[in-house]
Amino acid sequence: MLSGDCSDRICPFDMAWVDTPNVDGVFHRYAECAGKGICDRTSGLCECFDGYEGKACQRTSCPNDCSGHGTCEYIEDIAFGVVFNQYQKHDFSAYPELLNYYDWDLQKTRGCVCDAQYTDVDCSKRMCPHGTDVLDIRPNLLSRDADQVQVIRISEDFDLWRTTNMGNTVLKTDQRIDRNAQTFALTFKSRLNETFTTIPIRFDIKDGDTSSLSDFANDIRLALVGLPNQVIDDCEVSVRYGKPVTTIRVTFTGAGVQGRQNLLAVEAFECSDGCSPKITGLTLETTAKAISQWSSVNETTASVLNSFECGRRGKCDYTTGLCDCFEGYTGENCNEQTTLV
């Protein structure tokens, strides 16, 4: 109580958003309503200023409640993005790369993570298709267009292998896991933040059988181009088999996947009852003896083409998510010319 007759209530305290450092340089000390609200002395409740909420006004609110097209997340839980709302999945196990954030506004500052096809700080705008600018000039017009290449490295469990007296690495005869019966899947995230996962892909590689490599590569390609809505309209896949590391090379060659794409993610954990797609998962090495032996997904060749909203040849209608192409251009992403300038 604050008054002399104990009639005033005290409101909750939390770390102050803004205050003055003391002689020791300490700041962000505890303050009533965190310094972002007014205490109602009759009820003991904080009346928070716009943009703040919580019993002590200790956290920010998200703009427009994310417009019903996203979730309000704390800063430490928001995955890394190159630009706003382009959240990546970098690691092999398909979990988002979280920020190593330990600053004072942990569990205080929040922002919107928008649903697929929505963007802006409050998730109020529909996203439009992306494509390359048909008038963009490449660094070398004599060279073939360089498509983006992503390389997937699958490092199998070393315990499944043994080295013979001749120095060859072969599967152990007593290993209990049939590696060629294992299945996995690939997840692709489009430029509109839509996430698609392939059908199960069987890890089927036979020692000494080169045709099994091409069959395996073809299975991967068919799974990728078979994703809904032709989000990957075409790609090339090759497989190089090493013991115990298998390298999968995916080249995005389709018109719908020009420019930089999000990294593929490998679904390597078992998914059996109650989830989709139903896969056995892969037996992977978890204590690699060298960094080069870790399972990973990396971009090895960047595309010389770009990926712009409406191909930089139209305006996006953010209410419908459709491109309004400039005169002389057409297509869903305005990257087709109808007249020559």
Protein backbone atom coordinates (compact mmCIF):
# COMPACT_ATOMS: atom_id res chain seq x y z
CA MET A 1 0.00 0.00 0.00
CA LEU A 2 1.23 3.50 -0.86
CA SER A 3 -1.01 5.91 1.00
CA GLY A 4 -0.84 6.63 4.69
CA ASP A 5 -4.18 4.92 5.32
CA CYS A 6 -3.22 1.79 3.30
CA SER A 7 -6.03 2.40 0.81
CA ASP A 8 -3.95 2.23 -2.40
CA ARG A 9 -3.14 -1.05 -4.09
CA ILE A 10 0.33 -1.82 -5.53
CA CYS A 11 0.54 -3.14 -9.09
CA PRO A 12 2.85 -5.93 -10.35
CA PHE A 13 6.51 -5.12 -11.02
CA ASP A 14 8.70 -6.34 -13.87
CA MET A 15 11.91 -5.30 -15.65
CA ALA A 16 11.61 -1.73 -16.83
CA TRP A 17 11.61 -1.14 -20.56
CA VAL A 18 13.32 2.24 -20.12
CA ASP A 19 14.95 3.68 -17.02
CA THR A 20 18.00 5.61 -15.86
CA PRO A 21 21.23 3.77 -14.98
CA ASN A 22 22.43 4.05 -11.41
CA VAL A 23 25.99 4.99 -10.40
CA ASP A 24 27.12 1.41 -11.14
CA GLY A 25 25.68 1.49 -14.65
CA VAL A 26 22.88 -0.95 -13.81
CA PHE A 27 19.68 -0.39 -15.75
CA HIS A 28 16.49 -2.28 -16.59
CA ARG A 29 15.66 -2.61 -12.94
CA TYR A 30 12.23 -3.66 -11.70
CA ALA A 31 9.52 -1.05 -12.10
CA GLU A 32 5.82 -0.98 -11.45
CA CYS A 33 3.98 -1.98 -14.63
CA ALA A 34 7.47 -2.17 -16.19
CA GLY A 35 7.26 1.57 -16.82
CA LYS A 36 4.82 0.98 -19.70
CA GLY A 37 1.50 1.34 -17.93
CA ILE A 38 -0.42 3.19 -15.26
CA CYS A 39 -1.35 1.47 -12.03
CA ASP A 40 -5.02 1.45 -11.07
CA ARG A 41 -4.67 1.95 -7.30
CA THR A 42 -8.20 0.76 -6.61
CA SER A 43 -7.78 -2.64 -8.29
CA GLY A 44 -4.02 -3.15 -8.29
CA LEU A 45 -4.09 -3.83 -12.03
CA CYS A 46 -1.87 -2.25 -14.69
CA GLU A 47 -3.45 -0.26 -17.51
CA CYS A 48 -0.85 -0.88 -20.22
CA PHE A 49 0.04 1.60 -22.93
CA ASP A 50 -0.68 0.67 -26.54
CA GLY A 51 1.68 -2.01 -27.76
CA TYR A 52 2.23 -3.63 -24.35
CA GLU A 53 0.38 -6.29 -22.44
CA GLY A 54 0.65 -8.71 -19.53
CA LYS A 55 -0.15 -8.29 -15.86
CA ALA A 56 2.91 -6.03 -15.48
CA CYS A 57 2.97 -4.74 -19.07
CA GLN A 58 6.10 -6.87 -19.35
CA ARG A 59 5.77 -7.95 -22.98
CA THR A 60 4.96 -6.34 -26.29
CA SER A 61 1.76 -7.13 -28.13
CA CYS A 62 1.82 -8.00 -31.82
CA PRO A 63 0.47 -5.50 -34.36
CA ASN A 64 -3.20 -6.04 -35.09
CA ASP A 65 -2.98 -9.47 -33.41
CA CYS A 66 -1.22 -10.66 -36.58
CA SER A 67 -4.47 -10.10 -38.49
CA GLY A 68 -5.59 -13.64 -37.78
CA HIS A 69 -2.99 -14.93 -40.25
CA GLY A 70 -0.07 -15.67 -37.96
CA THR A 71 1.13 -16.28 -34.44
CA CYS A 72 2.72 -13.89 -31.98
CA GLU A 73 6.15 -15.26 -31.01
CA TYR A 74 8.92 -14.21 -28.65
CA ILE A 75 12.10 -12.88 -30.20
CA GLU A 76 14.16 -15.89 -29.10
CA ASP A 77 11.73 -18.31 -30.77
CA ILE A 78 11.65 -16.63 -34.17
CA ALA A 79 13.73 -18.48 -36.74
CA PHE A 80 16.36 -16.71 -38.79
CA GLY A 81 15.31 -15.08 -42.06
CA VAL A 82 17.30 -13.27 -44.75
CA VAL A 83 14.52 -10.70 -45.08
CA PHE A 84 11.34 -10.24 -43.11
CA ASN A 85 9.09 -13.28 -42.99
CA GLN A 86 11.42 -15.56 -44.96
CA TYR A 87 12.13 -18.09 -42.28
CA GLN A 88 14.71 -20.71 -43.18
CA LYS A 89 15.18 -24.33 -42.14
CA HIS A 90 18.87 -24.95 -42.27
CA ASP A 91 19.67 -27.94 -40.15
CA PHE A 92 19.47 -31.53 -41.30
CA SER A 93 16.67 -32.60 -38.99
CA ALA A 94 14.22 -29.99 -40.31
CA TYR A 95 14.04 -27.90 -37.15
CA PRO A 96 14.18 -24.12 -37.58
CA GLU A 97 17.45 -22.47 -36.72
CA LEU A 98 16.72 -20.57 -33.51
CA LEU A 99 18.46 -17.39 -32.56
CA ASN A 100 20.94 -17.67 -29.71
CA TYR A 101 19.34 -14.72 -27.98
CA TYR A 102 20.13 -13.96 -24.36
CA ASP A 103 19.54 -10.22 -24.08
CA TRP A 104 17.50 -8.43 -21.43
CA ASP A 105 14.25 -8.46 -23.44
CA LEU A 106 14.12 -12.26 -23.49
CA GLN A 107 10.47 -13.28 -23.00
CA LYS A 108 9.49 -9.63 -23.56
CA THR A 109 9.78 -8.56 -27.20
CA ARG A 110 7.47 -10.33 -29.66
CA GLY A 111 6.69 -10.28 -33.36
CA CYS A 112 4.40 -11.93 -35.88
CA VAL A 113 5.31 -15.18 -37.62
CA CYS A 114 2.93 -15.20 -40.55
CA ASP A 115 1.10 -18.13 -42.05
CA ALA A 116 2.01 -19.25 -45.54
CA GLN A 117 1.14 -16.71 -48.26
CA TYR A 118 0.93 -13.81 -45.79
CA THR A 119 3.49 -11.16 -44.93
CA ASP A 120 4.15 -7.69 -43.45
CA VAL A 121 4.68 -6.89 -39.78
CA ASP A 122 1.04 -7.67 -38.98
CA CYS A 123 0.53 -10.47 -41.56
CA SER A 124 -2.11 -8.35 -43.29
CA LYS A 125 -0.79 -8.68 -46.85
CA ARG A 126 -1.09 -11.60 -49.24
CA MET A 127 2.16 -12.60 -50.88
CA CYS A 128 2.43 -12.67 -54.67
CA PRO A 129 4.29 -15.20 -56.85
CA HIS A 130 8.02 -14.67 -57.32
CA GLY A 131 10.01 -15.01 -60.52
CA THR A 132 13.10 -13.80 -62.30
CA ASP A 133 13.21 -10.43 -64.07
CA VAL A 134 13.19 -11.32 -67.79
CA LEU A 135 15.21 -8.17 -68.56
CA ASP A 136 17.82 -8.80 -65.90
CA ILE A 137 21.34 -8.93 -67.33
CA ARG A 138 23.54 -11.87 -66.35
CA PRO A 139 27.25 -11.32 -65.58
CA ASN A 140 28.23 -13.43 -68.62
CA LEU A 141 25.72 -13.65 -71.46
CA LEU A 142 27.84 -16.31 -73.20
CA SER A 143 27.46 -18.77 -70.35
CA ARG A 144 24.50 -21.00 -69.62
CA ASP A 145 22.17 -19.81 -66.89
CA ALA A 146 23.51 -21.10 -63.57
CA ASP A 147 20.77 -22.83 -61.63
CA GLN A 148 20.82 -23.17 -57.87
CA VAL A 149 22.40 -26.41 -56.68
CA GLN A 150 21.78 -27.84 -53.22
CA VAL A 151 23.80 -30.74 -51.88
CA ILE A 152 22.43 -33.14 -49.25
CA ARG A 153 24.97 -35.22 -47.34
CA ILE A 154 23.61 -38.27 -45.54
CA SER A 155 26.12 -39.73 -43.09
CA GLU A 156 25.08 -43.22 -42.04
CA ASP A 157 25.81 -44.66 -38.62
CA PHE A 158 29.47 -45.75 -38.52
CA ASP A 159 28.50 -48.75 -36.38
CA LEU A 160 26.88 -50.30 -39.46
CA TRP A 161 30.22 -50.48 -41.24
CA ARG A 162 33.52 -52.27 -40.87
CA THR A 163 36.90 -52.10 -42.62
CA THR A 164 38.24 -55.28 -44.24
CA ASN A 165 41.85 -56.41 -44.31
CA MET A 166 42.04 -55.04 -47.85
CA GLY A 167 41.12 -51.58 -46.58
CA ASN A 168 37.61 -51.63 -48.02
CA THR A 169 34.61 -50.30 -46.11
CA VAL A 170 31.66 -52.69 -46.18
CA LEU A 171 28.43 -53.22 -44.28
CA LYS A 172 28.72 -55.48 -41.25
CA THR A 173 27.17 -58.87 -41.87
CA ASP A 174 25.73 -58.93 -38.38
CA GLN A 175 24.15 -55.50 -38.49
CA ARG A 176 20.50 -55.73 -37.55
CA ILE A 177 19.24 -52.77 -39.54
CA ASP A 178 18.37 -53.24 -43.21
CA ARG A 179 19.54 -49.87 -44.47
CA ASN A 180 17.92 -50.36 -47.87
CA ALA A 181 14.52 -50.79 -46.22
CA GLN A 182 14.75 -47.39 -44.53
CA THR A 183 12.66 -44.50 -45.83
CA PHE A 184 12.94 -40.74 -45.49
CA ALA A 185 11.29 -37.66 -46.99
CA LEU A 186 12.29 -34.19 -48.19
CA THR A 187 10.57 -30.94 -47.21
CA PHE A 188 10.55 -27.91 -49.52
CA LYS A 189 9.54 -24.41 -48.46
CA SER A 190 8.42 -22.15 -51.29
CA ARG A 191 9.02 -18.42 -51.61
CA LEU A 192 5.47 -17.96 -50.33
CA ASN A 193 6.43 -19.85 -47.15
CA GLU A 194 4.32 -22.86 -48.08
CA THR A 195 5.77 -26.10 -46.76
CA PHE A 196 5.45 -29.32 -48.74
CA THR A 197 6.79 -32.76 -47.83
CA THR A 198 7.39 -35.52 -50.34
CA ILE A 199 6.09 -39.06 -50.28
CA PRO A 200 8.39 -41.59 -48.54
CA ILE A 201 11.64 -42.22 -50.44
CA ARG A 202 13.34 -45.59 -49.96
CA PHE A 203 17.09 -45.43 -49.30
CA ASP A 204 17.88 -48.11 -51.84
CA ILE A 205 21.55 -48.32 -52.83
CA LYS A 206 23.23 -51.62 -53.63
CA ASP A 207 27.00 -51.99 -53.37
CA GLY A 208 28.62 -52.30 -56.79
CA ASP A 209 25.37 -51.64 -58.66
CA THR A 210 25.65 -48.28 -60.44
CA SER A 211 22.12 -48.60 -61.81
CA SER A 212 20.77 -48.43 -58.25
CA LEU A 213 22.27 -44.94 -57.94
CA SER A 214 20.38 -43.67 -61.00
CA ASP A 215 17.20 -45.36 -59.78
CA PHE A 216 17.62 -43.75 -56.36
CA ALA A 217 18.23 -40.34 -57.98
CA ASN A 218 15.14 -40.77 -60.17
CA ASP A 219 13.03 -41.68 -57.12
CA ILE A 220 14.13 -38.45 -55.41
CA ARG A 221 13.42 -36.35 -58.51
CA LEU A 222 9.94 -37.83 -58.98
CA ALA A 223 9.15 -37.19 -55.32
CA LEU A 224 10.18 -33.52 -55.64
CA VAL A 225 8.40 -32.74 -58.91
CA GLY A 226 5.36 -34.59 -57.59
CA LEU A 227 4.81 -32.05 -54.82
CA PRO A 228 1.43 -30.26 -54.96
CA ASN A 229 0.82 -27.18 -57.13
CA GLN A 230 4.04 -27.86 -59.08
CA VAL A 231 6.02 -25.86 -56.55
CA ILE A 232 9.08 -27.60 -58.01
CA ASP A 233 8.21 -27.80 -61.70
CA ASP A 234 11.52 -29.40 -62.65
CA CYS A 235 14.86 -30.39 -61.19
CA GLU A 236 17.84 -32.64 -61.82
CA VAL A 237 19.10 -35.11 -59.21
CA SER A 238 22.32 -37.08 -59.07
CA VAL A 239 23.66 -39.35 -56.33
CA ARG A 240 27.25 -40.13 -55.38
CA TYR A 241 27.69 -43.07 -53.07
CA GLY A 242 30.42 -43.06 -50.46
CA LYS A 243 30.90 -45.21 -47.41
CA PRO A 244 29.32 -44.19 -45.15
CA VAL A 245 28.44 -40.76 -46.67
CA THR A 246 25.97 -40.48 -49.54
CA THR A 247 25.82 -37.19 -51.44
CA ILE A 248 22.62 -36.10 -53.21
CA ARG A 249 22.89 -33.18 -55.65
CA VAL A 250 19.66 -31.34 -56.51
CA THR A 251 19.68 -28.73 -59.30
CA PHE A 252 16.60 -26.52 -59.60
CA THR A 253 16.00 -26.15 -63.35
CA GLY A 254 12.29 -25.33 -63.57
CA ALA A 255 10.89 -21.91 -64.45
CA GLY A 256 8.99 -21.87 -61.16
CA VAL A 257 12.11 -22.32 -59.03
CA GLN A 258 14.40 -19.78 -60.63
CA GLY A 259 16.64 -17.78 -58.35
CA ARG A 260 17.44 -18.54 -54.74
CA GLN A 261 15.23 -21.11 -53.05
CA ASN A 262 14.99 -22.15 -49.41
CA LEU A 263 17.16 -25.08 -48.46
CA LEU A 264 15.57 -28.50 -48.56
CA ALA A 265 15.10 -30.26 -45.24
CA VAL A 266 15.56 -33.99 -44.71
CA GLU A 267 12.92 -35.73 -42.61
CA ALA A 268 15.20 -38.31 -41.02
CA PHE A 269 13.28 -39.26 -37.88
CA GLU A 270 10.79 -42.10 -37.66
CA CYS A 271 7.22 -41.10 -38.40
CA SER A 272 4.90 -44.03 -37.85
CA ASP A 273 1.51 -43.95 -36.15
CA GLY A 274 -0.52 -40.79 -36.40
CA CYS A 275 1.77 -38.71 -38.62
CA SER A 276 2.50 -38.21 -42.30
CA PRO A 277 4.32 -39.22 -44.37
CA LYS A 278 4.86 -42.59 -42.75
CA ILE A 279 8.61 -43.23 -42.80
CA THR A 280 11.04 -45.43 -40.90
CA GLY A 281 13.65 -42.68 -40.73
CA LEU A 282 17.39 -43.07 -41.32
CA THR A 283 20.08 -44.50 -39.05
CA LEU A 284 22.44 -41.52 -39.02
CA GLU A 285 25.79 -40.84 -37.42
CA THR A 286 25.31 -38.59 -34.39
CA THR A 287 28.93 -38.38 -33.22
CA ALA A 288 30.78 -37.72 -36.47
CA LYS A 289 34.56 -37.94 -36.19
CA ALA A 290 35.05 -34.95 -38.47
CA ILE A 291 33.01 -31.90 -39.43
CA SER A 292 33.01 -33.04 -43.07
CA GLN A 293 31.18 -36.21 -42.03
CA TRP A 294 28.14 -34.51 -40.53
CA SER A 295 24.85 -34.85 -42.34
CA SER A 296 23.96 -31.51 -43.88
CA VAL A 297 22.13 -29.53 -46.57
CA ASN A 298 24.03 -26.71 -48.29
CA GLU A 299 23.82 -24.48 -51.33
CA THR A 300 26.91 -25.18 -53.43
CA THR A 301 25.99 -23.15 -56.53
CA ALA A 302 24.01 -19.94 -56.38
CA SER A 303 21.65 -19.11 -59.23
CA VAL A 304 22.61 -16.14 -61.40
CA LEU A 305 18.88 -15.54 -61.82
CA ASN A 306 16.88 -13.59 -59.28
CA SER A 307 13.56 -14.18 -57.60
CA PHE A 308 11.52 -11.01 -57.29
CA GLU A 309 7.93 -10.33 -56.35
CA CYS A 310 5.96 -10.37 -59.61
CA GLY A 311 9.27 -10.73 -61.45
CA ARG A 312 9.89 -7.02 -60.88
CA ARG A 313 7.64 -6.48 -63.90
CA GLY A 314 4.35 -5.95 -62.12
CA LYS A 315 2.68 -4.77 -58.93
CA CYS A 316 1.38 -7.07 -56.24
CA ASP A 317 -2.24 -6.77 -55.20
CA TYR A 318 -1.80 -7.50 -51.50
CA THR A 319 -5.51 -8.14 -50.98
CA THR A 320 -5.68 -10.99 -53.51
CA GLY A 321 -2.07 -12.14 -53.80
CA LEU A 322 -2.18 -11.73 -57.59
CA CYS A 323 0.27 -9.85 -59.79
CA ASP A 324 -0.90 -6.91 -61.90
CA CYS A 325 1.67 -7.08 -64.69
CA PHE A 326 2.97 -4.03 -66.52
CA GLU A 327 2.10 -3.60 -70.18
CA GLY A 328 4.04 -6.07 -72.30
CA TYR A 329 4.35 -8.74 -69.60
CA THR A 330 2.18 -11.64 -68.51
CA GLY A 331 2.22 -14.82 -66.46
CA GLU A 332 1.42 -15.38 -62.81
CA ASN A 333 4.78 -13.83 -61.87
CA CYS A 334 5.04 -11.45 -64.87
CA ASN A 335 8.20 -13.07 -66.21
CA GLU A 336 6.87 -13.63 -69.75
CA GLN A 337 7.19 -10.93 -72.39
CA THR A 338 4.31 -10.38 -74.79
CA THR A 339 5.92 -7.54 -76.78
CA LEU A 340 9.48 -6.52 -77.56
CA VAL A 341 10.62 -3.10 -76.43
